N, C-alpha and C. Protein backbone atom coordinates (compact mmCIF):
# COMPACT_ATOMS: atom_id res chain seq x y z
N MET A 1 -41.37 199.76 244.42
CA MET A 1 -41.00 200.74 243.34
C MET A 1 -40.69 200.15 241.99
N LYS A 2 -40.25 198.91 242.10
CA LYS A 2 -40.03 198.21 240.88
C LYS A 2 -41.55 197.65 240.20
N ARG A 3 -42.41 197.33 241.13
CA ARG A 3 -43.70 197.12 240.65
C ARG A 3 -44.59 198.26 240.00
N LEU A 4 -44.38 199.55 240.54
CA LEU A 4 -45.00 200.42 240.29
C LEU A 4 -44.31 200.91 238.72
N LEU A 5 -42.98 200.87 238.64
CA LEU A 5 -42.61 201.09 237.30
C LEU A 5 -42.90 200.09 236.34
N THR A 6 -42.99 198.69 236.59
CA THR A 6 -43.49 197.76 235.82
C THR A 6 -45.01 198.04 235.29
N LEU A 7 -45.66 198.36 236.13
CA LEU A 7 -47.07 198.61 236.01
C LEU A 7 -47.19 199.79 234.96
N PHE A 8 -46.47 200.86 235.38
CA PHE A 8 -46.29 202.05 234.47
C PHE A 8 -45.91 201.59 232.99
N ALA A 9 -44.87 200.82 233.02
CA ALA A 9 -44.42 200.42 231.48
C ALA A 9 -45.53 199.80 230.83
N LEU A 10 -46.32 198.79 231.66
CA LEU A 10 -47.37 198.14 231.06
C LEU A 10 -48.43 198.80 230.55
N CYS A 11 -48.73 200.13 231.18
CA CYS A 11 -49.88 200.98 231.03
C CYS A 11 -49.31 201.70 229.48
N VAL A 12 -48.22 201.95 229.58
CA VAL A 12 -47.70 202.70 228.54
C VAL A 12 -47.71 201.77 227.20
N SER A 13 -47.29 200.72 227.45
CA SER A 13 -47.24 199.76 226.03
C SER A 13 -48.67 199.19 225.89
N ALA A 14 -49.68 199.24 226.72
CA ALA A 14 -50.94 198.84 226.45
C ALA A 14 -51.85 199.72 225.53
N ALA A 15 -51.40 201.35 226.11
CA ALA A 15 -52.00 202.65 225.44
C ALA A 15 -51.45 202.53 223.97
N ALA A 16 -50.18 202.16 224.03
CA ALA A 16 -49.61 202.26 222.36
C ALA A 16 -49.90 201.25 221.51
N ALA A 17 -50.20 200.02 222.08
CA ALA A 17 -50.74 198.78 221.19
C ALA A 17 -52.19 199.07 220.84
N PRO A 18 -52.23 198.81 219.63
CA PRO A 18 -54.08 199.03 219.07
C PRO A 18 -54.60 197.79 219.65
N ALA A 19 -56.01 197.93 219.99
CA ALA A 19 -56.86 197.03 220.61
C ALA A 19 -57.14 196.05 219.63
N ALA A 20 -57.09 194.81 219.76
CA ALA A 20 -57.58 193.73 218.72
C ALA A 20 -58.56 192.79 219.52
N ASP A 21 -59.55 192.55 218.73
CA ASP A 21 -60.60 191.83 219.09
C ASP A 21 -60.17 190.37 219.14
N LEU A 22 -61.01 189.54 219.59
CA LEU A 22 -60.76 188.06 219.73
C LEU A 22 -60.66 187.27 218.43
N LEU A 23 -61.43 187.78 217.71
CA LEU A 23 -61.56 187.26 216.07
C LEU A 23 -60.26 187.58 215.51
N ALA A 24 -60.02 188.65 215.49
CA ALA A 24 -58.72 189.15 214.62
C ALA A 24 -57.50 188.43 215.36
N VAL A 25 -57.36 188.24 216.60
CA VAL A 25 -56.29 187.43 217.32
C VAL A 25 -56.39 186.08 216.82
N TYR A 26 -57.44 185.52 216.68
CA TYR A 26 -57.57 184.08 216.26
C TYR A 26 -57.21 183.96 214.90
N GLN A 27 -57.50 184.71 214.02
CA GLN A 27 -57.10 184.78 212.44
C GLN A 27 -55.48 184.85 212.25
N ARG A 28 -54.98 185.70 212.94
CA ARG A 28 -53.46 185.72 213.12
C ARG A 28 -52.83 184.41 213.61
N ALA A 29 -53.53 183.74 214.70
CA ALA A 29 -52.99 182.59 214.99
C ALA A 29 -53.16 181.41 214.07
N LEU A 30 -54.28 181.63 213.27
CA LEU A 30 -54.40 180.52 212.43
C LEU A 30 -53.23 180.56 211.33
N GLN A 31 -52.79 181.76 210.95
CA GLN A 31 -51.80 181.78 209.90
C GLN A 31 -50.37 181.45 210.43
N ASN A 32 -50.11 181.41 211.61
CA ASN A 32 -48.88 181.60 212.25
C ASN A 32 -48.58 180.48 213.45
N ASP A 33 -49.52 179.53 213.71
CA ASP A 33 -49.32 178.47 214.72
C ASP A 33 -48.64 177.47 214.24
N PRO A 34 -47.53 177.07 214.72
CA PRO A 34 -46.86 175.99 214.18
C PRO A 34 -47.65 174.45 214.60
N GLN A 35 -48.20 174.33 215.56
CA GLN A 35 -48.78 173.13 216.02
C GLN A 35 -50.01 172.90 215.02
N LEU A 36 -50.60 173.97 214.70
CA LEU A 36 -51.86 173.71 213.66
C LEU A 36 -50.97 173.59 212.25
N ARG A 37 -49.93 174.22 211.85
CA ARG A 37 -49.39 173.97 210.59
C ARG A 37 -48.80 172.52 210.58
N GLU A 38 -48.32 171.90 211.54
CA GLU A 38 -47.77 170.58 211.71
C GLU A 38 -48.89 169.57 211.26
N ALA A 39 -50.07 169.95 212.17
CA ALA A 39 -51.40 168.91 211.86
C ALA A 39 -51.75 168.92 210.48
N GLU A 40 -51.84 170.24 209.77
CA GLU A 40 -52.24 170.51 208.46
C GLU A 40 -51.14 169.81 207.47
N ALA A 41 -50.06 169.75 207.91
CA ALA A 41 -49.13 168.80 206.94
C ALA A 41 -49.53 167.34 206.90
N ASN A 42 -49.52 167.00 208.28
CA ASN A 42 -49.71 165.47 208.41
C ASN A 42 -50.96 165.14 207.88
N ARG A 43 -52.13 166.03 207.67
CA ARG A 43 -53.38 165.75 207.25
C ARG A 43 -53.15 165.52 205.97
N LEU A 44 -52.44 166.41 204.95
CA LEU A 44 -52.24 166.68 203.76
C LEU A 44 -51.51 165.39 203.39
N ALA A 45 -50.67 164.93 204.11
CA ALA A 45 -49.75 163.68 203.68
C ALA A 45 -50.53 162.39 203.88
N ALA A 46 -51.56 162.29 204.86
CA ALA A 46 -52.46 161.23 204.88
C ALA A 46 -53.40 161.34 203.78
N LEU A 47 -53.94 162.39 203.21
CA LEU A 47 -54.76 162.49 202.16
C LEU A 47 -53.91 161.83 201.02
N GLU A 48 -52.94 161.96 200.94
CA GLU A 48 -52.08 161.37 199.77
C GLU A 48 -52.31 159.92 199.74
N THR A 49 -52.11 159.18 200.83
CA THR A 49 -51.98 157.73 200.79
C THR A 49 -53.40 157.28 200.19
N LYS A 50 -54.60 157.73 200.28
CA LYS A 50 -55.82 157.12 199.66
C LYS A 50 -55.62 157.01 198.22
N PRO A 51 -55.42 158.02 197.24
CA PRO A 51 -55.22 157.67 196.05
C PRO A 51 -54.01 156.71 195.47
N GLN A 52 -52.95 156.71 196.44
CA GLN A 52 -51.92 155.68 196.20
C GLN A 52 -52.46 154.34 196.36
N ALA A 53 -53.31 154.08 197.51
CA ALA A 53 -53.81 152.74 197.91
C ALA A 53 -54.78 152.38 196.61
N LEU A 54 -55.35 153.49 196.38
CA LEU A 54 -56.61 153.16 195.19
C LEU A 54 -55.83 152.78 193.94
N SER A 55 -54.52 153.18 193.58
CA SER A 55 -53.98 153.07 192.37
C SER A 55 -53.71 151.50 192.04
N ALA A 56 -53.41 150.95 193.29
CA ALA A 56 -53.15 149.57 193.25
C ALA A 56 -54.40 148.70 192.78
N LEU A 57 -55.63 149.06 193.10
CA LEU A 57 -56.91 148.62 192.36
C LEU A 57 -57.01 148.63 191.20
N LEU A 58 -56.48 149.84 190.37
CA LEU A 58 -56.72 150.06 189.09
C LEU A 58 -56.02 149.41 188.03
N PRO A 59 -56.20 149.40 186.76
CA PRO A 59 -55.43 148.76 185.77
C PRO A 59 -54.13 149.43 185.76
N GLN A 60 -53.14 148.69 185.45
CA GLN A 60 -51.82 149.32 185.28
C GLN A 60 -51.39 149.18 183.67
N LEU A 61 -51.23 150.39 183.13
CA LEU A 61 -50.67 150.40 182.07
C LEU A 61 -49.29 151.14 181.70
N ALA A 62 -48.55 150.19 180.72
CA ALA A 62 -47.18 150.64 180.39
C ALA A 62 -47.03 150.71 178.96
N GLY A 63 -46.23 151.31 178.49
CA GLY A 63 -45.92 151.38 176.90
C GLY A 63 -44.48 151.70 176.83
N SER A 64 -44.10 150.91 175.81
CA SER A 64 -42.63 151.05 175.29
C SER A 64 -42.33 151.15 173.76
N GLY A 65 -41.38 151.54 173.37
CA GLY A 65 -40.98 151.86 172.08
C GLY A 65 -39.57 151.69 171.99
N LEU A 66 -39.15 151.11 170.83
CA LEU A 66 -37.73 150.82 170.14
C LEU A 66 -37.44 151.14 168.77
N VAL A 67 -36.68 151.62 168.53
CA VAL A 67 -36.31 152.00 167.17
C VAL A 67 -34.61 151.73 166.95
N THR A 68 -34.29 150.80 166.03
CA THR A 68 -33.09 150.28 166.10
C THR A 68 -32.69 150.64 164.31
N ARG A 69 -31.31 151.34 164.15
CA ARG A 69 -31.03 151.49 162.81
C ARG A 69 -29.80 150.74 162.61
N GLU A 70 -29.68 150.08 161.54
CA GLU A 70 -28.35 149.39 161.33
C GLU A 70 -27.89 149.82 159.82
N ARG A 71 -26.58 150.04 159.65
CA ARG A 71 -25.98 150.47 158.73
C ARG A 71 -24.89 149.46 158.14
N ASP A 72 -24.85 149.06 157.05
CA ASP A 72 -23.78 148.09 156.58
C ASP A 72 -23.39 148.54 155.42
N SER A 73 -21.97 148.62 155.07
CA SER A 73 -21.40 149.05 153.85
C SER A 73 -20.18 148.15 153.64
N GLY A 74 -19.84 147.99 152.25
CA GLY A 74 -18.47 147.23 151.95
C GLY A 74 -19.06 146.29 150.85
N THR A 75 -18.10 145.28 150.62
CA THR A 75 -18.38 144.21 149.62
C THR A 75 -18.66 142.92 150.30
N SER A 76 -19.63 142.19 149.65
CA SER A 76 -20.06 140.87 150.00
C SER A 76 -20.66 140.25 148.56
N ASN A 77 -20.90 139.00 148.84
CA ASN A 77 -21.50 138.11 147.98
C ASN A 77 -22.81 137.73 148.44
N ILE A 78 -23.71 137.69 147.40
CA ILE A 78 -25.16 137.72 147.67
C ILE A 78 -25.50 136.27 146.83
N THR A 79 -26.27 135.33 147.47
CA THR A 79 -26.31 134.12 146.82
C THR A 79 -28.09 134.17 146.71
N GLN A 80 -28.45 133.82 145.45
CA GLN A 80 -29.94 133.83 145.23
C GLN A 80 -30.25 132.54 144.47
N PRO A 81 -31.45 132.03 144.78
CA PRO A 81 -31.97 130.78 144.13
C PRO A 81 -32.17 131.23 142.67
N LEU A 82 -32.04 130.81 141.67
CA LEU A 82 -32.66 130.88 140.39
C LEU A 82 -33.70 130.00 140.07
N SER A 83 -33.93 129.04 140.46
CA SER A 83 -35.08 128.29 140.12
C SER A 83 -35.76 127.77 141.67
N SER A 84 -36.84 127.15 141.54
CA SER A 84 -37.48 126.99 142.73
C SER A 84 -37.77 125.44 142.71
N PRO A 85 -38.00 124.59 143.81
CA PRO A 85 -38.37 123.39 143.69
C PRO A 85 -39.79 123.15 143.02
N PRO A 86 -40.13 122.05 142.76
CA PRO A 86 -39.64 120.72 143.05
C PRO A 86 -38.34 120.32 142.27
N GLY A 87 -37.99 121.14 141.50
CA GLY A 87 -36.76 120.66 140.47
C GLY A 87 -35.52 121.07 141.38
N PRO A 88 -34.36 120.66 140.54
CA PRO A 88 -33.02 121.26 141.15
C PRO A 88 -33.02 122.78 141.36
N VAL A 89 -32.43 123.00 142.64
CA VAL A 89 -32.05 124.32 143.04
C VAL A 89 -30.91 125.00 142.40
N ILE A 90 -30.92 126.06 141.78
CA ILE A 90 -29.51 126.39 141.23
C ILE A 90 -29.34 127.75 141.90
N LEU A 91 -28.33 127.88 142.33
CA LEU A 91 -27.86 129.07 143.11
C LEU A 91 -27.04 130.02 142.32
N GLN A 92 -27.25 131.20 142.31
CA GLN A 92 -26.40 132.19 141.45
C GLN A 92 -25.87 133.26 142.61
N THR A 93 -24.57 133.49 142.48
CA THR A 93 -23.96 134.27 143.36
C THR A 93 -23.45 135.59 142.62
N TYR A 94 -23.94 136.90 143.26
CA TYR A 94 -23.70 138.07 142.80
C TYR A 94 -22.58 138.74 143.88
N PRO A 95 -21.50 139.42 143.24
CA PRO A 95 -21.00 140.19 144.02
C PRO A 95 -21.66 141.56 144.44
N PHE A 96 -21.65 142.11 145.61
CA PHE A 96 -22.43 143.32 146.00
C PHE A 96 -21.30 144.20 146.62
N ASP A 97 -21.27 145.22 146.17
CA ASP A 97 -20.53 146.37 146.77
C ASP A 97 -21.27 147.62 146.83
N GLY A 98 -21.85 147.95 147.99
CA GLY A 98 -22.68 148.94 148.26
C GLY A 98 -23.10 149.17 149.90
N ARG A 99 -24.15 149.71 150.20
CA ARG A 99 -24.48 149.98 151.36
C ARG A 99 -25.99 149.39 151.58
N ILE A 100 -26.31 149.02 152.92
CA ILE A 100 -27.48 148.49 153.31
C ILE A 100 -27.85 149.27 154.46
N ASP A 101 -29.04 149.85 154.45
CA ASP A 101 -29.70 150.56 155.57
C ASP A 101 -31.11 149.78 156.21
N THR A 102 -30.99 149.43 157.46
CA THR A 102 -32.30 148.55 158.02
C THR A 102 -32.73 149.44 159.10
N THR A 103 -33.80 149.63 159.33
CA THR A 103 -34.28 150.34 160.42
C THR A 103 -35.67 149.61 160.74
N THR A 104 -35.58 149.34 162.23
CA THR A 104 -36.66 148.27 162.73
C THR A 104 -37.50 149.11 163.96
N HIS A 105 -38.70 149.02 163.93
CA HIS A 105 -39.58 149.69 164.94
C HIS A 105 -40.20 148.74 165.50
N LYS A 106 -40.02 148.88 166.95
CA LYS A 106 -41.13 147.99 167.86
C LYS A 106 -41.74 148.78 168.95
N TYR A 107 -43.03 148.58 168.68
CA TYR A 107 -43.73 149.06 170.03
C TYR A 107 -44.41 148.35 170.82
N GLY A 108 -44.78 148.66 171.98
CA GLY A 108 -45.50 147.56 172.92
C GLY A 108 -46.39 148.32 173.92
N VAL A 109 -47.60 147.60 174.18
CA VAL A 109 -48.40 148.24 175.20
C VAL A 109 -48.73 147.07 176.10
N ASP A 110 -48.32 147.22 177.63
CA ASP A 110 -49.01 146.28 178.41
C ASP A 110 -49.97 146.61 179.53
N LEU A 111 -51.02 146.09 179.42
CA LEU A 111 -52.17 146.36 180.43
C LEU A 111 -52.39 145.15 181.42
N LYS A 112 -52.16 145.64 182.63
CA LYS A 112 -52.26 144.58 183.92
C LYS A 112 -53.25 145.00 184.59
N GLN A 113 -54.17 143.89 185.12
CA GLN A 113 -55.12 144.22 186.15
C GLN A 113 -55.34 143.03 187.00
N ASN A 114 -55.18 143.28 188.25
CA ASN A 114 -55.37 142.33 189.30
C ASN A 114 -56.69 142.05 189.42
N LEU A 115 -57.15 140.58 189.31
CA LEU A 115 -58.51 140.47 189.67
C LEU A 115 -58.84 140.66 191.04
N PHE A 116 -57.99 140.16 191.85
CA PHE A 116 -58.28 140.24 193.46
C PHE A 116 -57.08 140.21 194.07
N ARG A 117 -56.81 141.00 194.99
CA ARG A 117 -55.40 140.95 195.76
C ARG A 117 -55.88 141.56 197.21
N TRP A 118 -56.08 140.67 198.16
CA TRP A 118 -56.60 140.94 199.55
C TRP A 118 -55.64 142.30 200.06
N GLU A 119 -54.52 142.25 199.84
CA GLU A 119 -53.54 143.09 200.46
C GLU A 119 -53.76 144.62 199.88
N ASN A 120 -54.16 144.67 198.52
CA ASN A 120 -54.69 145.93 198.31
C ASN A 120 -55.90 146.51 198.91
N TRP A 121 -56.79 145.74 199.14
CA TRP A 121 -58.01 145.89 199.83
C TRP A 121 -57.75 146.60 201.15
N VAL A 122 -56.90 145.65 201.82
CA VAL A 122 -56.39 146.22 203.12
C VAL A 122 -55.65 147.47 203.29
N ALA A 123 -54.86 147.72 202.52
CA ALA A 123 -54.16 149.05 202.08
C ALA A 123 -55.13 150.13 201.89
N LEU A 124 -56.21 149.95 201.22
CA LEU A 124 -57.27 150.91 200.93
C LEU A 124 -57.88 151.17 202.22
N GLN A 125 -58.53 150.34 203.09
CA GLN A 125 -58.98 150.35 204.36
C GLN A 125 -57.92 151.06 205.35
N ARG A 126 -56.75 150.89 205.44
CA ARG A 126 -55.79 151.44 206.13
C ARG A 126 -55.87 152.85 205.67
N ALA A 127 -55.79 153.14 204.45
CA ALA A 127 -55.61 154.56 203.95
C ALA A 127 -56.93 155.32 204.44
N ASP A 128 -57.99 154.82 204.59
CA ASP A 128 -59.11 155.28 204.80
C ASP A 128 -58.89 155.72 206.54
N ALA A 129 -58.32 154.91 207.06
CA ALA A 129 -58.35 154.97 208.55
C ALA A 129 -57.54 156.12 208.89
N GLN A 130 -56.29 156.12 208.08
CA GLN A 130 -55.26 157.11 208.23
C GLN A 130 -55.85 158.62 207.98
N VAL A 131 -56.74 158.65 206.81
CA VAL A 131 -57.24 159.94 206.51
C VAL A 131 -58.05 160.46 207.65
N ALA A 132 -58.99 159.44 208.13
CA ALA A 132 -59.82 159.97 209.26
C ALA A 132 -59.17 160.32 210.48
N GLN A 133 -58.06 159.63 210.82
CA GLN A 133 -57.28 159.99 211.92
C GLN A 133 -56.63 161.43 211.88
N ALA A 134 -56.20 161.52 210.72
CA ALA A 134 -55.34 162.88 210.34
C ALA A 134 -56.77 164.07 210.55
N GLU A 135 -57.55 163.78 209.77
CA GLU A 135 -58.62 164.72 209.85
C GLU A 135 -59.10 165.11 211.49
N ALA A 136 -59.25 163.87 212.26
CA ALA A 136 -59.68 164.48 213.73
C ALA A 136 -58.40 164.83 214.34
N ASP A 137 -57.08 164.69 214.02
CA ASP A 137 -56.10 165.31 214.49
C ASP A 137 -56.08 166.75 214.28
N TYR A 138 -56.38 166.84 212.99
CA TYR A 138 -56.33 168.34 212.53
C TYR A 138 -57.41 169.30 213.09
N GLN A 139 -58.43 168.56 213.43
CA GLN A 139 -59.80 169.27 213.94
C GLN A 139 -59.42 169.60 215.38
N ALA A 140 -58.70 168.57 216.19
CA ALA A 140 -58.19 168.65 217.60
C ALA A 140 -57.28 169.99 217.66
N ALA A 141 -56.55 169.85 216.75
CA ALA A 141 -55.30 170.88 216.62
C ALA A 141 -56.19 172.42 216.48
N GLN A 142 -57.15 172.42 215.55
CA GLN A 142 -57.99 173.73 215.71
C GLN A 142 -58.64 173.87 216.94
N GLN A 143 -59.25 173.14 217.46
CA GLN A 143 -59.88 173.43 218.78
C GLN A 143 -58.84 173.77 219.79
N ASP A 144 -57.73 173.05 219.84
CA ASP A 144 -56.70 173.56 220.76
C ASP A 144 -56.32 174.90 220.53
N LEU A 145 -56.15 175.34 219.15
CA LEU A 145 -55.78 176.63 219.08
C LEU A 145 -56.60 177.51 219.60
N MET A 146 -57.84 177.47 219.41
CA MET A 146 -59.12 178.19 219.56
C MET A 146 -58.98 178.45 221.06
N GLU A 147 -58.74 177.44 221.78
CA GLU A 147 -58.63 177.34 223.33
C GLU A 147 -57.45 178.29 223.70
N ARG A 148 -56.48 177.85 223.47
CA ARG A 148 -55.11 178.45 223.81
C ARG A 148 -55.53 180.25 223.35
N VAL A 149 -55.90 180.48 222.24
CA VAL A 149 -56.01 181.92 221.96
C VAL A 149 -56.87 182.60 222.91
N ALA A 150 -58.18 182.05 223.06
CA ALA A 150 -59.19 182.43 223.88
C ALA A 150 -58.54 182.71 225.32
N GLN A 151 -57.77 181.59 225.84
CA GLN A 151 -57.40 181.81 227.25
C GLN A 151 -56.28 182.79 227.38
N ARG A 152 -55.30 182.93 226.26
CA ARG A 152 -54.45 184.28 226.27
C ARG A 152 -55.10 185.45 226.14
N TYR A 153 -55.96 185.60 225.30
CA TYR A 153 -56.71 186.81 225.17
C TYR A 153 -57.49 187.28 226.36
N PHE A 154 -58.01 186.19 227.19
CA PHE A 154 -58.73 186.54 228.44
C PHE A 154 -57.78 186.90 229.47
N ASP A 155 -56.75 186.31 229.44
CA ASP A 155 -55.48 186.53 230.35
C ASP A 155 -55.00 188.04 230.21
N VAL A 156 -54.92 188.49 229.09
CA VAL A 156 -54.53 189.78 228.69
C VAL A 156 -55.59 190.63 229.04
N LEU A 157 -56.67 190.61 229.02
CA LEU A 157 -58.04 191.39 229.16
C LEU A 157 -57.73 191.70 230.91
N ALA A 158 -57.79 190.35 231.51
CA ALA A 158 -57.64 190.23 232.94
C ALA A 158 -56.47 191.14 233.52
N ALA A 159 -55.27 191.08 232.74
CA ALA A 159 -54.10 191.81 233.21
C ALA A 159 -54.41 193.33 233.08
N GLN A 160 -55.14 193.68 231.87
CA GLN A 160 -55.37 195.04 231.78
C GLN A 160 -56.21 195.66 232.74
N ASP A 161 -57.20 194.66 233.20
CA ASP A 161 -58.28 195.07 234.27
C ASP A 161 -57.28 195.35 235.48
N ASP A 162 -56.29 194.39 235.87
CA ASP A 162 -55.68 194.51 237.10
C ASP A 162 -54.72 195.67 236.87
N LEU A 163 -54.13 195.98 235.91
CA LEU A 163 -53.43 197.33 235.70
C LEU A 163 -54.18 198.33 236.08
N GLU A 164 -55.46 198.54 235.39
CA GLU A 164 -56.48 199.85 235.69
C GLU A 164 -56.64 199.80 237.26
N ALA A 165 -56.90 198.68 237.63
CA ALA A 165 -57.27 198.66 239.35
C ALA A 165 -55.94 199.20 240.00
N GLN A 166 -54.89 198.74 239.51
CA GLN A 166 -53.73 198.95 240.12
C GLN A 166 -53.33 200.73 240.01
N GLN A 167 -53.60 201.24 238.98
CA GLN A 167 -53.41 202.26 238.55
C GLN A 167 -54.57 203.49 239.58
N VAL A 168 -55.63 202.97 239.56
CA VAL A 168 -56.83 203.49 240.35
C VAL A 168 -56.35 203.61 241.94
N ALA A 169 -55.86 202.47 242.53
CA ALA A 169 -55.19 202.41 243.68
C ALA A 169 -54.15 203.22 243.91
N LEU A 170 -53.32 203.33 242.75
CA LEU A 170 -51.99 204.34 243.10
C LEU A 170 -52.64 205.87 243.10
N SER A 171 -53.44 206.15 242.31
CA SER A 171 -54.02 207.26 242.25
C SER A 171 -54.65 207.77 243.57
N SER A 172 -55.45 206.91 244.05
CA SER A 172 -56.12 207.13 245.62
C SER A 172 -55.02 207.16 246.56
N ILE A 173 -54.14 206.23 246.57
CA ILE A 173 -52.97 206.35 247.63
C ILE A 173 -52.34 207.70 247.34
N GLN A 174 -51.94 208.12 245.96
CA GLN A 174 -51.34 209.44 245.81
C GLN A 174 -52.29 210.44 246.73
N ARG A 175 -53.57 210.53 246.28
CA ARG A 175 -54.33 211.53 246.78
C ARG A 175 -54.23 211.63 248.36
N GLN A 176 -54.44 210.45 248.95
CA GLN A 176 -54.20 210.26 250.41
C GLN A 176 -53.02 210.96 250.86
N LEU A 177 -52.09 210.64 250.24
CA LEU A 177 -50.47 211.06 250.51
C LEU A 177 -50.59 212.69 250.59
N ASP A 178 -51.04 213.20 249.31
CA ASP A 178 -51.38 214.70 249.21
C ASP A 178 -51.94 215.18 250.29
N GLN A 179 -53.01 214.77 250.54
CA GLN A 179 -53.98 215.23 251.71
C GLN A 179 -53.20 214.92 253.05
N ALA A 180 -52.46 214.23 253.28
CA ALA A 180 -51.94 213.79 254.62
C ALA A 180 -50.67 214.96 254.63
N ARG A 181 -49.92 215.24 253.52
CA ARG A 181 -48.96 216.38 253.62
C ARG A 181 -49.55 217.70 253.78
N ARG A 182 -50.82 217.93 253.28
CA ARG A 182 -51.50 219.24 253.47
C ARG A 182 -51.88 219.36 254.79
N ALA A 183 -52.46 218.19 255.34
CA ALA A 183 -52.70 218.48 256.87
C ALA A 183 -51.60 218.58 257.72
N PHE A 184 -50.46 217.86 257.50
CA PHE A 184 -49.16 217.94 258.43
C PHE A 184 -48.75 219.38 258.24
N LYS A 185 -48.66 219.83 257.06
CA LYS A 185 -48.18 221.34 256.84
C LYS A 185 -48.95 222.29 257.62
N SER A 186 -50.28 222.19 257.74
CA SER A 186 -51.10 223.08 258.19
C SER A 186 -51.23 223.09 259.71
N VAL A 187 -50.57 221.99 260.30
CA VAL A 187 -50.31 221.73 261.71
C VAL A 187 -49.36 222.60 262.38
């Protein structure tokens, strides 16, 4: 009896659900499958290793800048030479009462280029291998998803066929029961 109720519930739910073709089911699975999302994230992370490894082979450019400002105010004595050599040097001292502003600008650019570093080339080869492995893993995850979706889709179709067969068998048995009751009543 429970089996009949289960079959009836499945029949009602199957009739209420809209029919979907295999391609539509696969498209939805592409958007929502966590295993494929993981493989895609790993592939994207591996794709980033190649530009990083390549950057070690390229020139490195760095810039810097510095501005200093110095202000001094107050009183002091300034000594200046009045005559220049070869004769005797005479110094004159002047009192200074005021302000001195000094601004210094320094700029720098550094360019570095390694002529040859074997470990940079090895890192680039390793990045190429990681990218190839990640691409292969992603394609394997896509194929696995295709296989899982197709298997589940055909399992559902087979279950629907089984349900229809069970319903036909149930109606056949019901007809036989009705015939047997009529025959029993007529006796």
